[in-house]
Amino acid sequence: MAVPNPMTLDTTNWLGPGFTTNNAAAFAIKKGMARGNTSLTATYYQEPIATPTVFRDWIPSGSVPLTPPTDFVTLTEEQVITAFGVTKAEVDSWQTTVNGDNVCSIQQSTAYPYLYKVNNCRLTPFTSNPLASFWAMTFTTKINLLKSTIPFTYGNGGYRGVITRTGLSGELSNGGLDVVFAQDLAFVFDYDTGIFTLYMEDNSVTVSSPITILTPPAMSCYIYKGTYGEFVEKPDLAWVSNPGTNVVYLQNPAAQVVMGTTTVSDPSLTLDVSGSAFIRDVVTQSLSTSSDRRLKENIRPFTLPKGILGLAPRLYNYIARPGATELGLIAQEVEELVPELVKETGGMKSLQYDRLGVLLLPIVKEQEERIKEMETEMADLKELVAAMLLKQGPPARRGSTTRNGPR
């Protein structure tokens, strides 16, 4: 299902209502891009690139509504274990408490079953940077709970998460009111990997339980656990690649491909290109050009230029294809006589060979008139010869005699 080359995608029609290219990019944009700031208010979280370069299999297939669903249902511990493939001990490691009561929970949307809401999940130190980075990776099953977090800015901030401080035993600091604010602490939360990273020590005098390796933060957010690159909402628009081949095709044979425009000029067309296209070789069973009078204006007679029959066919090969001999005309030579048949793109001239036949019509018409004139003249000559023979009489036979002897 993956497309091997990066593309700039307009995902508006692929991902469902309310899903734009920028929104998709928030899930899929390449990591490691230069960031001007590490706080939540920086452009890092706004993804300012209008048409980012992404791979198809980075983009979620399921549509994500602009407003978070209101039909989330809290899962039981057994349901969490089944849904995420983790163990009971690993579920317990995510737990946080307020006054000793567990406040960590995972909820699932009924209408969008691939959307989950995580509440007060305790993070653990990230292996390669335990003093500053934290995530929700399980130790045994290696499940990253917060992988593919829905960006906090999606839906104009409707999916904004909450990061809170905890104590040594997982008790939420200040009853869960000790929230980490972007203006107070420089950090990055990577939505793709679910990794929270500090870029400064959490040592404000107003903080009673700073974030450390022993007191990691807790995260509340929305996560996407659906498919990628399959576009299950509208499979008729999905490009499919045959395994082991170079064939890429539309999954729905009746679908149309439109380029250079957003509208289809003719619903019967499979490919509708608005603009110019370069195709090295074309093999076709039928070729037609739009010629309806209703599409035309400024219609006027055309006078055949003198010397048109002096155009000489040439044998040649293209510089880029030295081994392939071609037969045709030279565009510059045609342009001297019929400039209407020559187009120029990127400084290179091209010739409308399909219009050359139109030039033959007046020539054929003129020849037809000459042939008729010659036929008329031949008929007249035949009649004249016949009349002369009739007037002269039949010719005398050889050896014939008269009364006076041989002639």
Protein backbone atom coordinates (compact mmCIF):
# COMPACT_ATOMS: atom_id res chain seq x y z
CA MET A 1 0.00 0.00 0.00
CA ALA A 2 2.93 2.37 0.48
CA VAL A 3 3.95 4.77 -2.24
CA PRO A 4 7.73 4.56 -2.75
CA ASN A 5 8.26 8.22 -3.60
CA PRO A 6 7.32 11.23 -1.48
CA MET A 7 4.41 13.26 -2.73
CA THR A 8 2.69 16.48 -1.88
CA LEU A 9 -0.83 15.33 -1.14
CA ASP A 10 -4.15 17.10 -1.00
CA THR A 11 -5.87 14.87 1.53
CA THR A 12 -9.10 16.85 1.85
CA ASN A 13 -11.13 14.28 -0.10
CA TRP A 14 -9.21 11.27 1.13
CA LEU A 15 -9.45 11.59 4.89
CA GLY A 16 -13.02 12.65 5.31
CA PRO A 17 -14.81 15.76 6.58
CA GLY A 18 -12.76 18.43 8.29
CA PHE A 19 -9.37 16.90 7.51
CA THR A 20 -6.89 19.08 5.60
CA THR A 21 -3.35 18.64 4.38
CA ASN A 22 -2.03 20.62 7.34
CA ASN A 23 -3.89 18.40 9.75
CA ALA A 24 -2.50 15.28 8.12
CA ALA A 25 0.95 16.81 8.22
CA ALA A 26 0.71 17.18 11.98
CA PHE A 27 0.71 13.38 12.14
CA ALA A 28 3.08 12.73 9.29
CA ILE A 29 5.62 15.54 9.00
CA LYS A 30 9.20 14.37 9.06
CA LYS A 31 10.93 14.48 12.39
CA GLY A 32 14.11 16.39 12.85
CA MET A 33 12.87 19.55 11.14
CA ALA A 34 14.43 22.71 12.51
CA ARG A 35 12.31 24.25 15.25
CA GLY A 36 12.48 27.89 16.32
CA ASN A 37 11.22 27.24 19.82
CA THR A 38 10.39 24.29 22.04
CA SER A 39 7.31 25.58 23.84
CA LEU A 40 3.75 24.65 23.02
CA THR A 41 3.08 28.13 21.68
CA ALA A 42 5.79 27.90 19.02
CA THR A 43 5.23 27.22 15.32
CA TYR A 44 6.50 23.69 15.92
CA TYR A 45 2.96 22.80 16.88
CA GLN A 46 1.32 24.89 14.18
CA GLU A 47 3.14 23.11 11.30
CA PRO A 48 3.40 26.26 9.14
CA ILE A 49 4.26 24.39 5.93
CA ALA A 50 1.24 24.59 3.63
CA THR A 51 1.97 21.51 1.53
CA PRO A 52 4.48 19.32 3.37
CA THR A 53 6.23 16.36 1.82
CA VAL A 54 4.79 13.18 3.26
CA PHE A 55 4.59 9.49 2.45
CA ARG A 56 1.25 7.87 1.85
CA ASP A 57 1.70 5.30 4.61
CA TRP A 58 2.30 8.09 7.14
CA ILE A 59 -1.22 9.46 6.73
CA PRO A 60 -4.14 8.19 8.85
CA SER A 61 -6.87 6.48 6.87
CA GLY A 62 -9.70 7.20 9.27
CA SER A 63 -11.26 10.65 9.41
CA VAL A 64 -10.80 12.63 12.62
CA PRO A 65 -13.61 15.11 13.38
CA LEU A 66 -12.63 18.69 14.13
CA THR A 67 -14.46 18.49 17.44
CA PRO A 68 -13.62 15.59 19.80
CA PRO A 69 -16.44 13.03 20.00
CA THR A 70 -18.63 13.10 23.08
CA ASP A 71 -19.36 9.39 23.08
CA PHE A 72 -16.18 8.13 24.80
CA VAL A 73 -16.74 5.07 26.97
CA THR A 74 -14.31 4.10 29.74
CA LEU A 75 -12.68 0.71 29.12
CA THR A 76 -12.27 -1.87 31.82
CA GLU A 77 -8.79 -3.13 32.65
CA GLU A 78 -9.50 -6.32 30.72
CA GLN A 79 -10.65 -4.33 27.70
CA VAL A 80 -7.48 -2.20 27.82
CA ILE A 81 -5.33 -5.32 27.97
CA THR A 82 -7.14 -6.73 24.91
CA ALA A 83 -7.26 -3.49 22.91
CA PHE A 84 -3.56 -2.64 23.31
CA GLY A 85 -2.04 -6.10 23.78
CA VAL A 86 -0.43 -5.30 27.13
CA THR A 87 -0.26 -7.04 30.49
CA LYS A 88 -2.03 -6.18 33.74
CA ALA A 89 1.25 -5.11 35.33
CA GLU A 90 1.89 -2.73 32.46
CA VAL A 91 -1.57 -1.20 32.80
CA ASP A 92 -0.86 -0.70 36.49
CA SER A 93 2.38 1.13 35.63
CA TRP A 94 0.35 3.84 33.88
CA GLN A 95 -1.81 4.51 36.93
CA THR A 96 -1.89 7.78 38.83
CA THR A 97 -3.89 8.66 41.93
CA VAL A 98 -5.58 11.52 43.74
CA ASN A 99 -5.90 10.92 47.46
CA GLY A 100 -5.00 7.29 46.80
CA ASP A 101 -7.75 6.68 44.24
CA ASN A 102 -6.78 5.70 40.70
CA VAL A 103 -7.55 8.46 38.18
CA CYS A 104 -5.86 6.92 35.15
CA SER A 105 -8.28 5.67 32.52
CA ILE A 106 -8.52 4.95 28.80
CA GLN A 107 -11.72 5.68 26.92
CA GLN A 108 -12.82 4.70 23.42
CA SER A 109 -15.13 6.54 21.04
CA THR A 110 -18.17 4.62 19.86
CA ALA A 111 -18.55 6.47 16.55
CA TYR A 112 -14.79 6.52 15.90
CA PRO A 113 -13.50 3.31 17.51
CA TYR A 114 -9.91 4.11 16.45
CA LEU A 115 -9.93 7.26 18.62
CA TYR A 116 -9.02 6.91 22.30
CA LYS A 117 -8.87 9.39 25.15
CA VAL A 118 -6.09 8.80 27.67
CA ASN A 119 -6.56 10.36 31.11
CA ASN A 120 -3.72 10.93 33.60
CA CYS A 121 -1.34 8.29 32.22
CA ARG A 122 1.92 8.20 34.15
CA LEU A 123 4.97 8.32 31.87
CA THR A 124 8.29 6.53 32.39
CA PRO A 125 11.84 7.74 31.66
CA PHE A 126 12.93 7.39 28.05
CA THR A 127 15.80 4.90 27.85
CA SER A 128 18.39 7.00 26.02
CA ASN A 129 17.61 10.24 27.84
CA PRO A 130 16.04 9.34 31.20
CA LEU A 131 16.76 12.65 32.90
CA ALA A 132 14.80 14.77 30.45
CA SER A 133 12.59 12.58 28.22
CA PHE A 134 9.55 10.49 29.14
CA TRP A 135 7.07 8.24 27.33
CA ALA A 136 4.44 5.53 27.93
CA MET A 137 6.35 2.53 26.56
CA THR A 138 5.66 -0.80 28.26
CA PHE A 139 8.66 -2.84 29.42
CA THR A 140 7.61 -6.34 28.29
CA THR A 141 5.27 -5.98 25.32
CA LYS A 142 6.99 -2.81 24.05
CA ILE A 143 3.73 -0.99 23.37
CA ASN A 144 3.98 2.78 23.07
CA LEU A 145 0.59 3.94 24.36
CA LEU A 146 0.96 7.57 23.28
CA LYS A 147 2.31 6.85 19.78
CA SER A 148 0.27 8.87 17.24
CA THR A 149 -1.15 11.39 19.66
CA ILE A 150 -3.62 13.72 17.95
CA PRO A 151 -1.90 17.13 17.79
CA PHE A 152 -2.97 19.55 20.50
CA THR A 153 -3.70 22.24 17.90
CA TYR A 154 -5.95 20.06 15.73
CA GLY A 155 -9.50 21.36 15.56
CA ASN A 156 -8.40 24.80 16.76
CA GLY A 157 -7.15 23.32 20.02
CA GLY A 158 -10.11 21.03 20.59
CA TYR A 159 -7.75 18.09 21.15
CA ARG A 160 -5.37 19.93 23.44
CA GLY A 161 -3.84 17.64 26.03
CA VAL A 162 -2.91 18.29 29.63
CA ILE A 163 0.45 17.52 31.25
CA THR A 164 0.53 17.34 35.04
CA ARG A 165 3.24 16.77 37.63
CA THR A 166 3.26 13.75 39.93
CA GLY A 167 4.82 12.68 43.21
CA LEU A 168 6.97 9.65 44.02
CA SER A 169 4.07 7.20 44.21
CA GLY A 170 2.22 8.45 41.15
CA GLU A 171 0.00 10.75 43.18
CA LEU A 172 -0.92 13.77 41.06
CA SER A 173 0.67 16.89 42.51
CA ASN A 174 -1.76 19.29 44.14
CA GLY A 175 -4.70 17.02 43.40
CA GLY A 176 -4.08 17.16 39.66
CA LEU A 177 -4.00 20.96 39.52
CA ASP A 178 -0.22 21.20 39.10
CA VAL A 179 -0.38 21.55 35.32
CA VAL A 180 2.68 22.15 33.13
CA PHE A 181 2.23 25.36 31.15
CA ALA A 182 4.22 26.25 28.02
CA GLN A 183 5.03 29.72 29.27
CA ASP A 184 6.67 28.32 32.39
CA LEU A 185 8.72 25.45 30.99
CA ALA A 186 10.50 24.78 27.68
CA PHE A 187 9.63 21.34 26.39
CA VAL A 188 8.64 19.36 23.32
CA PHE A 189 5.96 16.72 23.05
CA ASP A 190 6.41 14.73 19.84
CA TYR A 191 2.99 13.62 18.63
CA ASP A 192 4.30 10.77 16.46
CA THR A 193 6.39 9.03 19.11
CA GLY A 194 4.58 10.26 22.21
CA ILE A 195 7.87 11.39 23.77
CA PHE A 196 7.86 14.36 26.17
CA THR A 197 11.25 16.12 26.46
CA LEU A 198 12.33 18.88 28.83
CA TYR A 199 14.73 21.54 27.58
CA MET A 200 15.25 23.14 30.97
CA GLU A 201 15.13 22.00 34.59
CA ASP A 202 11.75 22.11 36.21
CA ASN A 203 13.05 24.04 39.22
CA SER A 204 10.62 26.93 39.67
CA VAL A 205 10.15 27.90 43.32
CA THR A 206 6.39 27.67 42.84
CA VAL A 207 6.56 23.99 41.89
CA SER A 208 6.16 21.59 44.79
CA SER A 209 6.90 18.42 42.81
CA PRO A 210 9.19 19.15 39.84
CA ILE A 211 9.53 16.72 36.93
CA THR A 212 12.50 14.40 37.48
CA ILE A 213 13.51 10.82 36.73
CA LEU A 214 11.77 9.80 39.95
CA THR A 215 8.68 11.97 39.45
CA PRO A 216 7.79 11.77 35.74
CA PRO A 217 4.82 13.71 34.36
CA ALA A 218 1.34 12.37 33.64
CA MET A 219 -0.34 12.89 30.27
CA SER A 220 -3.97 13.35 29.24
CA CYS A 221 -4.53 13.40 25.47
CA TYR A 222 -6.30 11.86 22.50
CA ILE A 223 -4.61 9.13 20.44
CA TYR A 224 -5.22 7.68 17.00
CA LYS A 225 -5.00 3.89 16.68
CA GLY A 226 -6.42 3.40 13.21
CA THR A 227 -4.91 2.40 9.90
CA TYR A 228 -2.48 4.38 7.74
CA GLY A 229 -2.34 4.76 3.98
CA GLU A 230 -5.36 2.57 3.27
CA PHE A 231 -7.97 5.33 3.04
CA VAL A 232 -10.79 3.07 4.12
CA GLU A 233 -13.26 5.96 4.04
CA LYS A 234 -13.09 6.15 0.22
CA PRO A 235 -11.24 3.11 -1.13
CA ASP A 236 -12.34 3.95 -4.67
CA LEU A 237 -9.84 6.82 -4.66
CA ALA A 238 -6.89 4.84 -3.37
CA TRP A 239 -3.91 4.01 -5.59
CA VAL A 240 -2.86 0.38 -5.25
CA SER A 241 0.50 -1.18 -6.14
CA ASN A 242 0.76 -4.82 -7.17
CA PRO A 243 3.35 -6.59 -4.97
CA GLY A 244 6.45 -7.49 -6.93
CA THR A 245 5.50 -5.38 -9.95
CA ASN A 246 5.78 -1.79 -11.08
CA VAL A 247 2.03 -1.56 -11.77
CA VAL A 248 0.11 1.12 -9.87
CA TYR A 249 -3.62 1.45 -10.49
CA LEU A 250 -6.83 2.87 -9.05
CA GLN A 251 -8.60 0.42 -6.79
CA ASN A 252 -11.90 1.36 -8.41
CA PRO A 253 -11.68 0.94 -12.22
CA ALA A 254 -14.57 3.39 -12.63
CA ALA A 255 -12.78 6.21 -10.81
CA GLN A 256 -11.54 9.27 -12.69
CA VAL A 257 -8.09 10.87 -12.49
CA VAL A 258 -8.11 14.67 -12.75
CA MET A 259 -4.94 16.77 -13.07
CA GLY A 260 -4.53 20.52 -13.17
CA THR A 261 -8.14 21.18 -12.19
CA THR A 262 -10.72 20.24 -9.57
CA THR A 263 -13.59 19.68 -11.98
CA VAL A 264 -14.26 17.02 -14.59
CA SER A 265 -15.04 18.36 -18.06
CA ASP A 266 -16.56 15.07 -19.19
CA PRO A 267 -17.76 12.35 -16.79
CA SER A 268 -17.01 9.70 -19.42
CA LEU A 269 -13.27 10.45 -19.31
CA THR A 270 -10.91 8.25 -17.29
CA LEU A 271 -8.09 10.82 -17.37
CA ASP A 272 -8.77 14.56 -17.51
CA VAL A 273 -5.65 16.75 -17.76
CA SER A 274 -5.99 20.53 -17.77
CA GLY A 275 -2.66 21.69 -19.15
CA SER A 276 0.22 20.27 -21.16
CA ALA A 277 1.75 16.83 -20.75
CA PHE A 278 4.94 15.32 -22.18
CA ILE A 279 4.61 11.67 -23.22
CA ARG A 280 7.54 10.05 -24.99
CA ASP A 281 5.54 7.42 -26.87
CA VAL A 282 1.79 7.00 -27.36
CA VAL A 283 0.07 3.81 -28.45
CA THR A 284 -3.64 4.28 -29.08
CA GLN A 285 -6.52 2.57 -30.79
CA SER A 286 -8.38 5.82 -31.34
CA LEU A 287 -7.47 9.50 -31.20
CA SER A 288 -9.87 12.43 -31.44
CA THR A 289 -9.71 16.20 -30.94
CA SER A 290 -12.53 18.39 -29.63
CA SER A 291 -13.99 20.16 -32.69
CA ASP A 292 -17.56 21.10 -31.78
CA ARG A 293 -18.63 24.39 -33.36
CA ARG A 294 -20.05 25.43 -29.99
CA LEU A 295 -16.53 25.47 -28.58
CA LYS A 296 -15.15 27.79 -31.25
CA GLU A 297 -15.25 31.47 -32.19
CA ASN A 298 -13.61 33.74 -34.77
CA ILE A 299 -14.20 31.10 -37.44
CA ARG A 300 -12.80 32.26 -40.81
CA PRO A 301 -11.47 30.82 -44.08
CA PHE A 302 -7.91 29.53 -44.37
CA THR A 303 -5.78 30.21 -47.44
CA LEU A 304 -3.31 27.49 -48.25
CA PRO A 305 0.21 28.97 -48.34
CA LYS A 306 2.27 28.56 -51.48
CA GLY A 307 5.05 26.08 -51.19
CA ILE A 308 3.27 23.77 -48.79
CA LEU A 309 4.07 20.82 -51.03
CA GLY A 310 7.72 21.75 -50.74
CA LEU A 311 7.87 20.52 -47.16
CA ALA A 312 10.31 17.65 -47.14
CA PRO A 313 9.99 14.62 -44.83
CA ARG A 314 13.24 13.87 -42.99
CA LEU A 315 14.87 10.89 -41.35
CA TYR A 316 16.49 11.70 -38.00
CA ASN A 317 16.90 10.59 -34.41
CA TYR A 318 16.41 12.49 -31.16
CA ILE A 319 19.63 13.34 -29.34
CA ALA A 320 18.33 11.62 -26.23
CA ARG A 321 17.50 8.47 -28.26
CA PRO A 322 20.43 7.90 -30.61
CA GLY A 323 19.39 4.41 -31.59
CA ALA A 324 15.84 5.18 -32.71
CA THR A 325 15.40 6.49 -36.27
CA GLU A 326 12.32 8.67 -36.78
CA LEU A 327 10.49 9.96 -39.84
CA GLY A 328 8.86 13.38 -39.73
CA LEU A 329 9.12 17.10 -40.38
CA ILE A 330 11.19 19.88 -38.85
CA ALA A 331 9.10 22.29 -36.78
CA GLN A 332 11.03 25.38 -37.89
CA GLU A 333 10.48 24.53 -41.57
CA VAL A 334 6.75 24.07 -41.02
CA GLU A 335 6.59 27.28 -38.98
CA GLU A 336 7.79 29.32 -41.98
CA LEU A 337 4.68 28.27 -43.91
CA VAL A 338 2.03 27.39 -41.29
CA PRO A 339 2.96 28.87 -37.90
CA GLU A 340 -0.44 27.82 -36.50
CA LEU A 341 0.77 24.20 -36.40
CA VAL A 342 3.85 24.94 -34.28
CA LYS A 343 3.78 25.36 -30.48
CA GLU A 344 6.60 26.28 -28.14
CA THR A 345 7.08 25.03 -24.58
CA GLY A 346 10.19 25.75 -22.55
CA GLY A 347 11.93 27.17 -25.60
CA MET A 348 11.43 23.96 -27.61
CA LYS A 349 9.12 23.79 -30.61
CA SER A 350 6.57 21.06 -31.17
CA LEU A 351 4.45 20.21 -34.19
CA GLN A 352 0.77 19.32 -34.32
CA TYR A 353 1.02 16.40 -36.70
CA ASP A 354 -2.68 15.61 -36.33
CA ARG A 355 -3.53 18.92 -38.04
CA LEU A 356 -1.37 18.25 -41.13
CA GLY A 357 -4.23 16.31 -42.67
CA VAL A 358 -6.32 19.48 -42.70
CA LEU A 359 -3.78 21.07 -45.06
CA LEU A 360 -4.32 18.27 -47.56
CA LEU A 361 -8.03 18.99 -47.93
CA PRO A 362 -7.69 22.04 -50.24
CA ILE A 363 -4.94 20.25 -52.17
CA VAL A 364 -7.11 17.19 -52.65
CA LYS A 365 -10.05 19.43 -53.54
CA GLU A 366 -7.97 21.26 -56.16
CA GLN A 367 -6.72 17.98 -57.62
CA GLU A 368 -10.27 16.67 -57.73
CA GLU A 369 -11.35 19.73 -59.70
CA ARG A 370 -8.42 19.29 -62.11
CA ILE A 371 -9.24 15.63 -62.59
CA LYS A 372 -12.84 16.53 -63.40
CA GLU A 373 -11.64 19.17 -65.88
CA MET A 374 -9.31 16.64 -67.51
CA GLU A 375 -12.10 14.08 -67.68
CA THR A 376 -14.34 16.68 -69.32
CA GLU A 377 -11.59 17.59 -71.79
CA MET A 378 -10.98 13.91 -72.57
CA ALA A 379 -14.66 13.38 -73.19
CA ASP A 380 -14.76 16.41 -75.49
CA LEU A 381 -11.73 15.17 -77.40
CA LYS A 382 -13.31 11.76 -77.84
CA GLU A 383 -16.46 13.34 -79.23
CA LEU A 384 -14.43 15.55 -81.56
CA VAL A 385 -12.41 12.62 -82.88
CA ALA A 386 -15.56 10.61 -83.38
CA ALA A 387 -17.21 13.45 -85.31
CA MET A 388 -14.17 13.90 -87.53
CA LEU A 389 -14.06 10.22 -88.35
CA LEU A 390 -17.74 10.19 -89.13
CA LYS A 391 -17.43 13.16 -91.49
CA GLN A 392 -14.38 11.73 -93.30
CA GLY A 393 -15.85 8.34 -93.66
CA PRO A 394 -14.20 5.00 -93.09
CA PRO A 395 -10.59 4.71 -94.25
CA ALA A 396 -9.84 2.82 -97.50
CA ARG A 397 -8.56 -0.71 -97.28
CA ARG A 398 -5.06 -1.62 -98.48
CA GLY A 399 -4.84 -3.08 -101.93
CA SER A 400 -8.26 -1.88 -102.96
CA THR A 401 -8.68 -0.91 -106.69
CA THR A 402 -10.86 1.35 -108.76
CA ARG A 403 -12.07 1.25 -112.33
CA ASN A 404 -8.90 2.90 -113.49
CA GLY A 405 -6.69 0.40 -111.75
CA PRO A 406 -4.73 0.58 -108.55
CA ARG A 407 -4.32 3.85 -106.84
